[in-house]
Amino acid sequence: MIKKFASLTAALLMAFVTVGCDVDKTEEGRMPDLDVDVSGDPGKMPAYDVEGPDVDVSMEKKKVDVPDVDVNMKEKEMSVPDIDVSVPDDNE
């Protein structure tokens, strides 16, 4: 049960990280001049500023239903993750 919960939490966290990034192109790229001379202009890749989300994970007490050994449901208080994600502002 805890393994499934941890896996689900990790998967959700990875989803937030991948969609919560703000990528801004800061410089244009250009292709190199095509010539056979190796000492020619090697070209340049474009530059990007990448700012990831700010993720705060904490524990808080919540009452949740958990199965008892005899499969009777009981309400117990336990610590569960509390995740806050702050996505960077879009400055366009």
N, C-alpha and C. Protein backbone atom coordinates (compact mmCIF):
# COMPACT_ATOMS: atom_id res chain seq x y z
N MET A 1 0.83 -1.19 0.00
CA MET A 1 0.00 0.00 0.00
C MET A 1 0.87 1.25 0.00
N ILE A 2 1.85 1.28 0.90
CA ILE A 2 2.73 2.44 0.98
C ILE A 2 3.59 2.54 -0.27
N LYS A 3 4.00 1.38 -0.82
CA LYS A 3 4.81 1.39 -2.04
C LYS A 3 4.02 1.99 -3.21
N LYS A 4 2.74 1.62 -3.32
CA LYS A 4 1.91 2.17 -4.38
C LYS A 4 1.72 3.67 -4.20
N PHE A 5 1.50 4.09 -2.96
CA PHE A 5 1.31 5.51 -2.67
C PHE A 5 2.58 6.30 -3.00
N ALA A 6 3.74 5.76 -2.63
CA ALA A 6 5.00 6.44 -2.92
C ALA A 6 5.25 6.51 -4.43
N SER A 7 4.92 5.42 -5.14
CA SER A 7 5.09 5.42 -6.59
C SER A 7 4.17 6.44 -7.26
N LEU A 8 2.93 6.49 -6.79
CA LEU A 8 1.98 7.46 -7.35
C LEU A 8 2.42 8.89 -7.07
N THR A 9 2.90 9.15 -5.86
CA THR A 9 3.39 10.47 -5.50
C THR A 9 4.58 10.86 -6.37
N ALA A 10 5.51 9.93 -6.57
CA ALA A 10 6.68 10.22 -7.41
C ALA A 10 6.27 10.49 -8.85
N ALA A 11 5.30 9.72 -9.36
CA ALA A 11 4.84 9.93 -10.73
C ALA A 11 4.16 11.29 -10.89
N LEU A 12 3.35 11.67 -9.92
CA LEU A 12 2.70 12.98 -9.98
C LEU A 12 3.72 14.11 -9.90
N LEU A 13 4.72 13.95 -9.05
CA LEU A 13 5.76 14.96 -8.92
C LEU A 13 6.53 15.12 -10.24
N MET A 14 6.85 14.01 -10.90
CA MET A 14 7.55 14.08 -12.18
C MET A 14 6.67 14.74 -13.24
N ALA A 15 5.37 14.50 -13.20
CA ALA A 15 4.46 15.14 -14.16
C ALA A 15 4.46 16.65 -13.95
N PHE A 16 4.42 17.10 -12.69
CA PHE A 16 4.46 18.53 -12.42
C PHE A 16 5.77 19.15 -12.86
N VAL A 17 6.87 18.44 -12.66
CA VAL A 17 8.19 18.98 -13.02
C VAL A 17 8.29 19.13 -14.53
N THR A 18 7.79 18.16 -15.29
CA THR A 18 7.95 18.23 -16.74
C THR A 18 7.04 19.26 -17.38
N VAL A 19 5.84 19.48 -16.85
CA VAL A 19 4.94 20.46 -17.47
C VAL A 19 5.03 21.83 -16.81
N GLY A 20 5.72 21.93 -15.69
CA GLY A 20 5.78 23.18 -14.97
C GLY A 20 6.98 24.04 -15.29
N CYS A 21 7.78 23.66 -16.28
CA CYS A 21 8.96 24.44 -16.64
C CYS A 21 8.58 25.59 -17.56
N ASP A 22 9.28 26.70 -17.40
CA ASP A 22 9.11 27.86 -18.26
C ASP A 22 10.40 28.02 -19.04
N VAL A 23 10.35 27.83 -20.37
CA VAL A 23 11.54 27.91 -21.22
C VAL A 23 11.40 29.13 -22.12
N ASP A 24 12.37 30.02 -22.07
CA ASP A 24 12.40 31.21 -22.91
C ASP A 24 13.65 31.18 -23.78
N LYS A 25 13.46 31.36 -25.09
CA LYS A 25 14.60 31.43 -26.00
C LYS A 25 15.23 32.80 -25.84
N THR A 26 16.51 32.84 -25.47
CA THR A 26 17.18 34.10 -25.18
C THR A 26 18.10 34.56 -26.31
N GLU A 27 18.42 33.66 -27.22
CA GLU A 27 19.34 34.04 -28.29
C GLU A 27 19.06 33.16 -29.51
N GLU A 28 19.09 33.74 -30.70
CA GLU A 28 18.88 32.99 -31.93
C GLU A 28 20.08 32.12 -32.24
N GLY A 29 19.84 30.98 -32.81
CA GLY A 29 20.93 30.12 -33.27
C GLY A 29 21.19 30.38 -34.74
N ARG A 30 22.27 29.86 -35.24
CA ARG A 30 22.56 29.98 -36.67
C ARG A 30 23.33 28.75 -37.11
N MET A 31 23.11 28.39 -38.34
CA MET A 31 23.77 27.23 -38.92
C MET A 31 25.18 27.63 -39.35
N PRO A 32 26.11 26.68 -39.32
CA PRO A 32 27.46 26.99 -39.76
C PRO A 32 27.52 27.18 -41.28
N ASP A 33 28.50 27.96 -41.73
CA ASP A 33 28.75 28.09 -43.17
C ASP A 33 29.24 26.73 -43.67
N LEU A 34 28.74 26.32 -44.83
CA LEU A 34 29.14 25.03 -45.37
C LEU A 34 30.38 25.20 -46.22
N ASP A 35 31.47 24.77 -45.69
CA ASP A 35 32.72 24.69 -46.44
C ASP A 35 33.51 23.51 -45.92
N VAL A 36 34.43 23.04 -46.67
CA VAL A 36 35.20 21.86 -46.31
C VAL A 36 36.31 22.19 -45.32
N ASP A 37 36.66 23.44 -45.20
CA ASP A 37 37.74 23.86 -44.32
C ASP A 37 37.32 23.66 -42.85
N VAL A 38 38.09 22.87 -42.11
CA VAL A 38 37.77 22.57 -40.72
C VAL A 38 37.98 23.80 -39.84
N SER A 39 38.81 24.72 -40.20
CA SER A 39 39.07 25.90 -39.38
C SER A 39 38.03 26.99 -39.62
N GLY A 40 36.94 26.70 -40.32
CA GLY A 40 35.90 27.69 -40.62
C GLY A 40 35.02 27.97 -39.40
N ASP A 41 33.97 28.75 -39.60
CA ASP A 41 33.05 29.12 -38.54
C ASP A 41 32.25 27.88 -38.11
N PRO A 42 32.33 27.48 -36.85
CA PRO A 42 31.67 26.25 -36.41
C PRO A 42 30.16 26.42 -36.18
N GLY A 43 29.62 27.62 -36.28
CA GLY A 43 28.20 27.83 -36.02
C GLY A 43 27.94 28.04 -34.54
N LYS A 44 26.66 28.19 -34.18
CA LYS A 44 26.34 28.48 -32.80
C LYS A 44 24.95 27.94 -32.48
N MET A 45 24.80 27.30 -31.34
CA MET A 45 23.50 26.80 -30.88
C MET A 45 22.73 27.94 -30.21
N PRO A 46 21.39 27.92 -30.26
CA PRO A 46 20.62 28.95 -29.57
C PRO A 46 20.75 28.79 -28.06
N ALA A 47 20.62 29.89 -27.33
CA ALA A 47 20.70 29.86 -25.87
C ALA A 47 19.29 29.91 -25.30
N TYR A 48 19.06 29.21 -24.20
CA TYR A 48 17.76 29.17 -23.54
C TYR A 48 17.94 29.40 -22.05
N ASP A 49 16.98 30.09 -21.43
CA ASP A 49 16.89 30.18 -19.98
C ASP A 49 15.78 29.23 -19.56
N VAL A 50 16.08 28.26 -18.69
CA VAL A 50 15.08 27.31 -18.22
C VAL A 50 14.94 27.48 -16.72
N GLU A 51 13.71 27.74 -16.30
CA GLU A 51 13.43 27.91 -14.88
C GLU A 51 12.40 26.86 -14.48
N GLY A 52 12.78 25.96 -13.59
CA GLY A 52 11.89 24.90 -13.15
C GLY A 52 10.96 25.38 -12.05
N PRO A 53 9.96 24.56 -11.73
CA PRO A 53 9.01 24.96 -10.68
C PRO A 53 9.62 24.84 -9.29
N ASP A 54 9.07 25.60 -8.35
CA ASP A 54 9.47 25.52 -6.95
C ASP A 54 8.51 24.55 -6.27
N VAL A 55 9.01 23.42 -5.78
CA VAL A 55 8.17 22.38 -5.20
C VAL A 55 8.45 22.28 -3.71
N ASP A 56 7.39 22.43 -2.91
CA ASP A 56 7.51 22.28 -1.46
C ASP A 56 6.73 21.04 -1.04
N VAL A 57 7.41 20.11 -0.39
CA VAL A 57 6.78 18.88 0.09
C VAL A 57 6.87 18.87 1.60
N SER A 58 5.73 18.67 2.25
CA SER A 58 5.72 18.61 3.70
C SER A 58 4.75 17.50 4.12
N MET A 59 4.75 17.18 5.40
CA MET A 59 3.85 16.17 5.93
C MET A 59 2.80 16.86 6.79
N GLU A 60 1.58 16.37 6.71
CA GLU A 60 0.52 16.90 7.55
C GLU A 60 -0.36 15.74 8.02
N LYS A 61 -1.02 15.92 9.13
CA LYS A 61 -1.89 14.89 9.70
C LYS A 61 -3.26 14.96 9.02
N LYS A 62 -3.74 13.82 8.54
CA LYS A 62 -5.07 13.72 7.94
C LYS A 62 -5.69 12.41 8.39
N LYS A 63 -6.99 12.40 8.49
CA LYS A 63 -7.69 11.17 8.80
C LYS A 63 -8.10 10.51 7.49
N VAL A 64 -7.68 9.28 7.32
CA VAL A 64 -8.00 8.53 6.12
C VAL A 64 -8.51 7.15 6.52
N ASP A 65 -9.33 6.57 5.66
CA ASP A 65 -9.80 5.22 5.90
C ASP A 65 -8.75 4.23 5.44
N VAL A 66 -8.35 3.34 6.35
CA VAL A 66 -7.38 2.30 6.01
C VAL A 66 -7.98 0.95 6.39
N PRO A 67 -7.69 -0.08 5.63
CA PRO A 67 -8.24 -1.39 5.97
C PRO A 67 -7.58 -1.96 7.23
N ASP A 68 -8.39 -2.57 8.07
CA ASP A 68 -7.89 -3.27 9.24
C ASP A 68 -7.51 -4.68 8.79
N VAL A 69 -6.85 -5.43 9.66
CA VAL A 69 -6.42 -6.78 9.31
C VAL A 69 -7.61 -7.65 8.93
N ASP A 70 -8.74 -7.46 9.58
CA ASP A 70 -9.93 -8.25 9.25
C ASP A 70 -10.79 -7.54 8.20
N VAL A 71 -10.25 -6.63 7.45
CA VAL A 71 -10.84 -5.91 6.34
C VAL A 71 -11.99 -5.03 6.78
N ASN A 72 -12.08 -4.67 8.03
CA ASN A 72 -13.01 -3.66 8.48
C ASN A 72 -12.34 -2.31 8.35
N MET A 73 -13.06 -1.33 7.82
CA MET A 73 -12.47 0.00 7.62
C MET A 73 -12.47 0.76 8.93
N LYS A 74 -11.33 1.37 9.22
CA LYS A 74 -11.18 2.21 10.40
C LYS A 74 -10.58 3.53 9.95
N GLU A 75 -10.98 4.59 10.62
CA GLU A 75 -10.40 5.89 10.32
C GLU A 75 -9.20 6.09 11.24
N LYS A 76 -8.04 6.36 10.65
CA LYS A 76 -6.82 6.57 11.43
C LYS A 76 -6.20 7.89 11.00
N GLU A 77 -5.49 8.50 11.92
CA GLU A 77 -4.77 9.73 11.61
C GLU A 77 -3.34 9.36 11.25
N MET A 78 -2.88 9.86 10.12
CA MET A 78 -1.52 9.55 9.67
C MET A 78 -0.96 10.74 8.91
N SER A 79 0.33 10.72 8.72
CA SER A 79 1.00 11.79 7.96
C SER A 79 0.92 11.47 6.47
N VAL A 80 0.49 12.45 5.69
CA VAL A 80 0.43 12.31 4.24
C VAL A 80 1.17 13.49 3.62
N PRO A 81 1.73 13.33 2.42
CA PRO A 81 2.47 14.44 1.81
C PRO A 81 1.55 15.60 1.43
N ASP A 82 2.05 16.80 1.60
CA ASP A 82 1.37 18.02 1.18
C ASP A 82 2.31 18.72 0.21
N ILE A 83 1.97 18.75 -1.07
CA ILE A 83 2.87 19.25 -2.11
C ILE A 83 2.34 20.57 -2.66
N ASP A 84 3.18 21.61 -2.63
CA ASP A 84 2.87 22.90 -3.23
C ASP A 84 3.83 23.14 -4.38
N VAL A 85 3.29 23.42 -5.56
CA VAL A 85 4.11 23.68 -6.75
C VAL A 85 3.86 25.10 -7.21
N SER A 86 4.92 25.90 -7.31
CA SER A 86 4.83 27.27 -7.83
C SER A 86 5.47 27.30 -9.20
N VAL A 87 4.64 27.42 -10.24
CA VAL A 87 5.13 27.45 -11.61
C VAL A 87 5.65 28.85 -11.91
N PRO A 88 6.80 28.97 -12.62
CA PRO A 88 7.34 30.30 -12.92
C PRO A 88 6.36 31.13 -13.75
N ASP A 89 6.41 32.46 -13.55
CA ASP A 89 5.56 33.37 -14.30
C ASP A 89 5.98 33.41 -15.76
N ASP A 90 5.01 33.57 -16.65
CA ASP A 90 5.29 33.69 -18.07
C ASP A 90 5.45 35.17 -18.38
N ASN A 91 6.65 35.61 -18.71
CA ASN A 91 6.96 37.05 -18.88
C ASN A 91 6.86 37.47 -20.35
N GLU A 92 5.94 36.93 -21.09
CA GLU A 92 5.83 37.33 -22.49
C GLU A 92 4.79 38.37 -22.66
